[in-house]
Amino acid sequence: MQISGFTINLLTLLAIVLSVGLVVDDAIVMVENIERHVHAGEPPMQAALLAARELVGPIIAMTITLAAVYTPLGIQGGLTGALFREFAFTLAGAVIVSGVVALTLSPMMGSRLLRAGDNERGFAGHINRQFERVRQRYMRMLGGTLRYRPWCSRCGRSSWR
């Protein structure tokens, strides 16, 4: 924003708030993919490399698409262009930085911070065990519901066919 000469105003703050969700989305996709490889038995560095190779195309496509959606708003003429120029370019710039961070910093941090078995200890382990209990109970209830078939009192058969 400073390089472009933009000030901190309501529209640039709105762009920053909106971009937070987009920025976090790229990083989450990368970290989840690294974690999937780590749980599959890969060493963290190898998992990060594999995850980054798998996601380089989708993240670049997502970044270019989002930047291409917001940039025309900033180059539009007239009052609309003047009003939304800072919003559009701030948002497009944040999305581009997000894509670069997701392809560089996220895999590096994932290779250093993620380890197999970390989600079975401590608070994360407690949450995962509780979630598994809820999931198992839901599966039992769903199975019982699907096995239940109302009977027809006249013919003695299930009314579902």
C-alpha atoms as a PDB file:
ATOM      1  CA  MET A   1       0.000   0.000   0.000  1.00  0.00           C
ATOM      2  CA  GLN A   2       2.804   2.395   0.829  1.00  0.00           C
ATOM      3  CA  ILE A   3       4.589   1.671  -2.465  1.00  0.00           C
ATOM      4  CA  SER A   4       1.397   2.546  -4.351  1.00  0.00           C
ATOM      5  CA  GLY A   5       0.875   5.682  -2.291  1.00  0.00           C
ATOM      6  CA  PHE A   6      -2.396   4.484  -0.755  1.00  0.00           C
ATOM      7  CA  THR A   7      -3.553   5.730   2.594  1.00  0.00           C
ATOM      8  CA  ILE A   8      -5.232   3.766   5.327  1.00  0.00           C
ATOM      9  CA  ASN A   9      -8.887   4.577   4.841  1.00  0.00           C
ATOM     10  CA  LEU A  10     -12.170   2.736   5.033  1.00  0.00           C
ATOM     11  CA  LEU A  11     -11.836   1.077   1.624  1.00  0.00           C
ATOM     12  CA  THR A  12      -8.259  -0.118   2.090  1.00  0.00           C
ATOM     13  CA  LEU A  13      -9.148  -1.464   5.522  1.00  0.00           C
ATOM     14  CA  LEU A  14     -12.132  -3.250   3.959  1.00  0.00           C
ATOM     15  CA  ALA A  15      -9.797  -4.756   1.366  1.00  0.00           C
ATOM     16  CA  ILE A  16      -7.427  -5.937   4.086  1.00  0.00           C
ATOM     17  CA  VAL A  17     -10.258  -7.507   6.078  1.00  0.00           C
ATOM     18  CA  LEU A  18     -11.556  -9.273   2.982  1.00  0.00           C
ATOM     19  CA  SER A  19      -8.101 -10.442   1.974  1.00  0.00           C
ATOM     20  CA  VAL A  20      -7.449 -12.058   5.367  1.00  0.00           C
ATOM     21  CA  GLY A  21      -9.828 -14.885   4.487  1.00  0.00           C
ATOM     22  CA  LEU A  22      -8.243 -15.316   1.065  1.00  0.00           C
ATOM     23  CA  VAL A  23      -4.708 -15.219   2.464  1.00  0.00           C
ATOM     24  CA  VAL A  24      -5.452 -17.781   5.160  1.00  0.00           C
ATOM     25  CA  ASP A  25      -7.167 -20.057   2.638  1.00  0.00           C
ATOM     26  CA  ASP A  26      -4.002 -20.558   0.546  1.00  0.00           C
ATOM     27  CA  ALA A  27      -1.888 -21.346   3.589  1.00  0.00           C
ATOM     28  CA  ILE A  28      -4.463 -23.770   5.026  1.00  0.00           C
ATOM     29  CA  VAL A  29      -4.644 -25.729   1.785  1.00  0.00           C
ATOM     30  CA  MET A  30      -0.860 -26.095   1.735  1.00  0.00           C
ATOM     31  CA  VAL A  31      -0.487 -27.022   5.421  1.00  0.00           C
ATOM     32  CA  GLU A  32      -3.318 -29.578   5.238  1.00  0.00           C
ATOM     33  CA  ASN A  33      -1.678 -31.235   2.251  1.00  0.00           C
ATOM     34  CA  ILE A  34       1.680 -31.363   4.038  1.00  0.00           C
ATOM     35  CA  GLU A  35      -0.001 -32.883   7.090  1.00  0.00           C
ATOM     36  CA  ARG A  36      -1.666 -35.512   4.885  1.00  0.00           C
ATOM     37  CA  HIS A  37       1.740 -36.567   3.551  1.00  0.00           C
ATOM     38  CA  VAL A  38       3.290 -36.575   7.031  1.00  0.00           C
ATOM     39  CA  HIS A  39       0.517 -38.862   8.305  1.00  0.00           C
ATOM     40  CA  ALA A  40       1.093 -41.115   5.299  1.00  0.00           C
ATOM     41  CA  GLY A  41       4.620 -41.720   6.608  1.00  0.00           C
ATOM     42  CA  GLU A  42       6.730 -39.248   4.647  1.00  0.00           C
ATOM     43  CA  PRO A  43       9.473 -37.305   6.456  1.00  0.00           C
ATOM     44  CA  PRO A  44       8.411 -33.667   6.986  1.00  0.00           C
ATOM     45  CA  MET A  45      10.820 -32.180   4.419  1.00  0.00           C
ATOM     46  CA  GLN A  46       9.789 -34.697   1.759  1.00  0.00           C
ATOM     47  CA  ALA A  47       6.110 -34.148   2.650  1.00  0.00           C
ATOM     48  CA  ALA A  48       6.521 -30.391   2.195  1.00  0.00           C
ATOM     49  CA  LEU A  49       8.181 -30.837  -1.190  1.00  0.00           C
ATOM     50  CA  LEU A  50       5.514 -33.270  -2.387  1.00  0.00           C
ATOM     51  CA  ALA A  51       2.686 -31.032  -1.149  1.00  0.00           C
ATOM     52  CA  ALA A  52       4.175 -27.937  -2.781  1.00  0.00           C
ATOM     53  CA  ARG A  53       4.613 -29.772  -6.093  1.00  0.00           C
ATOM     54  CA  GLU A  54       1.030 -30.989  -5.980  1.00  0.00           C
ATOM     55  CA  LEU A  55      -0.441 -27.576  -5.228  1.00  0.00           C
ATOM     56  CA  VAL A  56       1.715 -25.197  -7.254  1.00  0.00           C
ATOM     57  CA  GLY A  57      -0.736 -25.211 -10.186  1.00  0.00           C
ATOM     58  CA  PRO A  58      -3.960 -24.776  -8.196  1.00  0.00           C
ATOM     59  CA  ILE A  59      -2.515 -22.044  -5.981  1.00  0.00           C
ATOM     60  CA  ILE A  60      -1.156 -20.106  -8.965  1.00  0.00           C
ATOM     61  CA  ALA A  61      -4.498 -20.482 -10.754  1.00  0.00           C
ATOM     62  CA  MET A  62      -6.402 -19.362  -7.647  1.00  0.00           C
ATOM     63  CA  THR A  63      -4.110 -16.360  -7.175  1.00  0.00           C
ATOM     64  CA  ILE A  64      -4.290 -15.223 -10.789  1.00  0.00           C
ATOM     65  CA  THR A  65      -8.060 -15.685 -10.885  1.00  0.00           C
ATOM     66  CA  LEU A  66      -8.682 -13.646  -7.740  1.00  0.00           C
ATOM     67  CA  ALA A  67      -6.280 -10.903  -8.817  1.00  0.00           C
ATOM     68  CA  ALA A  68      -7.916 -10.816 -12.263  1.00  0.00           C
ATOM     69  CA  VAL A  69     -11.361 -10.455 -10.700  1.00  0.00           C
ATOM     70  CA  TYR A  70     -10.482  -7.442  -8.558  1.00  0.00           C
ATOM     71  CA  THR A  71      -7.971  -5.580 -10.756  1.00  0.00           C
ATOM     72  CA  PRO A  72     -10.473  -4.377 -13.418  1.00  0.00           C
ATOM     73  CA  LEU A  73     -12.431  -2.597 -10.713  1.00  0.00           C
ATOM     74  CA  GLY A  74      -9.360  -0.468 -10.032  1.00  0.00           C
ATOM     75  CA  ILE A  75      -8.675   0.426 -13.670  1.00  0.00           C
ATOM     76  CA  GLN A  76     -12.266   1.348 -14.418  1.00  0.00           C
ATOM     77  CA  GLY A  77     -12.787   4.961 -15.353  1.00  0.00           C
ATOM     78  CA  GLY A  78     -15.011   7.547 -13.820  1.00  0.00           C
ATOM     79  CA  LEU A  79     -16.212   7.864 -10.275  1.00  0.00           C
ATOM     80  CA  THR A  80     -16.357   4.104  -9.682  1.00  0.00           C
ATOM     81  CA  GLY A  81     -12.718   3.662 -10.661  1.00  0.00           C
ATOM     82  CA  ALA A  82     -11.629   6.592  -8.539  1.00  0.00           C
ATOM     83  CA  LEU A  83     -13.640   5.352  -5.572  1.00  0.00           C
ATOM     84  CA  PHE A  84     -12.574   1.695  -5.668  1.00  0.00           C
ATOM     85  CA  ARG A  85      -9.007   2.004  -7.014  1.00  0.00           C
ATOM     86  CA  GLU A  86      -7.343   1.640  -3.610  1.00  0.00           C
ATOM     87  CA  PHE A  87      -9.719  -1.180  -2.600  1.00  0.00           C
ATOM     88  CA  ALA A  88      -9.137  -3.180  -5.784  1.00  0.00           C
ATOM     89  CA  PHE A  89      -5.370  -2.832  -5.910  1.00  0.00           C
ATOM     90  CA  THR A  90      -4.927  -3.463  -2.194  1.00  0.00           C
ATOM     91  CA  LEU A  91      -6.995  -6.634  -2.453  1.00  0.00           C
ATOM     92  CA  ALA A  92      -5.259  -7.831  -5.635  1.00  0.00           C
ATOM     93  CA  GLY A  93      -1.843  -7.134  -4.089  1.00  0.00           C
ATOM     94  CA  ALA A  94      -2.708  -9.022  -0.915  1.00  0.00           C
ATOM     95  CA  VAL A  95      -3.905 -12.012  -2.931  1.00  0.00           C
ATOM     96  CA  ILE A  96      -0.676 -12.082  -4.949  1.00  0.00           C
ATOM     97  CA  VAL A  97       1.454 -11.870  -1.799  1.00  0.00           C
ATOM     98  CA  SER A  98      -0.686 -14.649  -0.325  1.00  0.00           C
ATOM     99  CA  GLY A  99       0.016 -16.916  -3.272  1.00  0.00           C
ATOM    100  CA  VAL A 100       3.752 -16.308  -3.011  1.00  0.00           C
ATOM    101  CA  VAL A 101       3.718 -16.983   0.742  1.00  0.00           C
ATOM    102  CA  ALA A 102       1.644 -20.147   0.282  1.00  0.00           C
ATOM    103  CA  LEU A 103       4.167 -21.504  -2.221  1.00  0.00           C
ATOM    104  CA  THR A 104       7.321 -20.524  -0.316  1.00  0.00           C
ATOM    105  CA  LEU A 105       6.903 -19.846   3.382  1.00  0.00           C
ATOM    106  CA  SER A 106       4.075 -22.296   4.177  1.00  0.00           C
ATOM    107  CA  PRO A 107       5.911 -25.411   2.917  1.00  0.00           C
ATOM    108  CA  MET A 108       9.108 -24.366   4.715  1.00  0.00           C
ATOM    109  CA  MET A 109       7.279 -23.791   7.994  1.00  0.00           C
ATOM    110  CA  GLY A 110       5.308 -27.012   7.526  1.00  0.00           C
ATOM    111  CA  SER A 111       8.513 -28.985   7.066  1.00  0.00           C
ATOM    112  CA  ARG A 112       9.872 -27.570  10.326  1.00  0.00           C
ATOM    113  CA  LEU A 113       6.770 -27.548  12.520  1.00  0.00           C
ATOM    114  CA  LEU A 114       4.693 -30.590  11.519  1.00  0.00           C
ATOM    115  CA  ARG A 115       5.588 -33.987  12.928  1.00  0.00           C
ATOM    116  CA  ALA A 116       3.757 -37.295  12.772  1.00  0.00           C
ATOM    117  CA  GLY A 117       1.849 -38.105  15.945  1.00  0.00           C
ATOM    118  CA  ASP A 118       1.624 -34.531  17.240  1.00  0.00           C
ATOM    119  CA  ASN A 119      -2.150 -34.576  17.032  1.00  0.00           C
ATOM    120  CA  GLU A 120      -2.386 -37.528  19.464  1.00  0.00           C
ATOM    121  CA  ARG A 121      -0.907 -35.701  22.459  1.00  0.00           C
ATOM    122  CA  GLY A 122      -1.916 -32.720  24.536  1.00  0.00           C
ATOM    123  CA  PHE A 123      -4.892 -30.521  23.824  1.00  0.00           C
ATOM    124  CA  ALA A 124      -5.031 -31.464  20.122  1.00  0.00           C
ATOM    125  CA  GLY A 125      -5.090 -35.146  21.081  1.00  0.00           C
ATOM    126  CA  HIS A 126      -7.921 -34.531  23.537  1.00  0.00           C
ATOM    127  CA  ILE A 127      -9.970 -32.693  20.891  1.00  0.00           C
ATOM    128  CA  ASN A 128      -9.288 -35.418  18.313  1.00  0.00           C
ATOM    129  CA  ARG A 129     -10.355 -38.175  20.734  1.00  0.00           C
ATOM    130  CA  GLN A 130     -13.559 -36.330  21.621  1.00  0.00           C
ATOM    131  CA  PHE A 131     -14.311 -35.732  17.975  1.00  0.00           C
ATOM    132  CA  GLU A 132     -13.753 -39.419  17.214  1.00  0.00           C
ATOM    133  CA  ARG A 133     -16.215 -40.348  19.972  1.00  0.00           C
ATOM    134  CA  VAL A 134     -18.830 -38.023  18.532  1.00  0.00           C
ATOM    135  CA  ARG A 135     -18.161 -39.404  15.051  1.00  0.00           C
ATOM    136  CA  GLN A 136     -18.527 -43.017  16.212  1.00  0.00           C
ATOM    137  CA  ARG A 137     -21.791 -42.214  18.012  1.00  0.00           C
ATOM    138  CA  TYR A 138     -23.126 -40.456  14.942  1.00  0.00           C
ATOM    139  CA  MET A 139     -22.198 -43.464  12.779  1.00  0.00           C
ATOM    140  CA  ARG A 140     -24.078 -45.805  15.131  1.00  0.00           C
ATOM    141  CA  MET A 141     -27.149 -43.572  15.156  1.00  0.00           C
ATOM    142  CA  LEU A 142     -27.071 -43.182  11.382  1.00  0.00           C
ATOM    143  CA  GLY A 143     -26.738 -46.939  10.911  1.00  0.00           C
ATOM    144  CA  GLY A 144     -29.685 -47.569  13.227  1.00  0.00           C
ATOM    145  CA  THR A 145     -31.769 -44.992  11.416  1.00  0.00           C
ATOM    146  CA  LEU A 146     -30.991 -46.491   8.036  1.00  0.00           C
ATOM    147  CA  ARG A 147     -31.785 -50.013   9.274  1.00  0.00           C
ATOM    148  CA  TYR A 148     -35.201 -48.943  10.607  1.00  0.00           C
ATOM    149  CA  ARG A 149     -37.951 -49.661   8.133  1.00  0.00           C
ATOM    150  CA  PRO A 150     -41.577 -49.039   8.981  1.00  0.00           C
ATOM    151  CA  TRP A 151     -43.824 -52.065   8.502  1.00  0.00           C
ATOM    152  CA  CYS A 152     -47.129 -51.996   6.716  1.00  0.00           C
ATOM    153  CA  SER A 153     -49.863 -53.189   9.084  1.00  0.00           C
ATOM    154  CA  ARG A 154     -51.966 -54.663   6.264  1.00  0.00           C
ATOM    155  CA  CYS A 155     -49.385 -56.700   4.361  1.00  0.00           C
ATOM    156  CA  GLY A 156     -46.637 -57.176   6.939  1.00  0.00           C
ATOM    157  CA  ARG A 157     -43.895 -55.884   4.603  1.00  0.00           C
ATOM    158  CA  SER A 158     -41.635 -52.879   4.696  1.00  0.00           C
ATOM    159  CA  SER A 159     -43.319 -49.835   3.254  1.00  0.00           C
ATOM    160  CA  TRP A 160     -39.972 -48.772   1.706  1.00  0.00           C
ATOM    161  CA  ARG A 161     -39.094 -50.479  -1.540  1.00  0.00           C
END
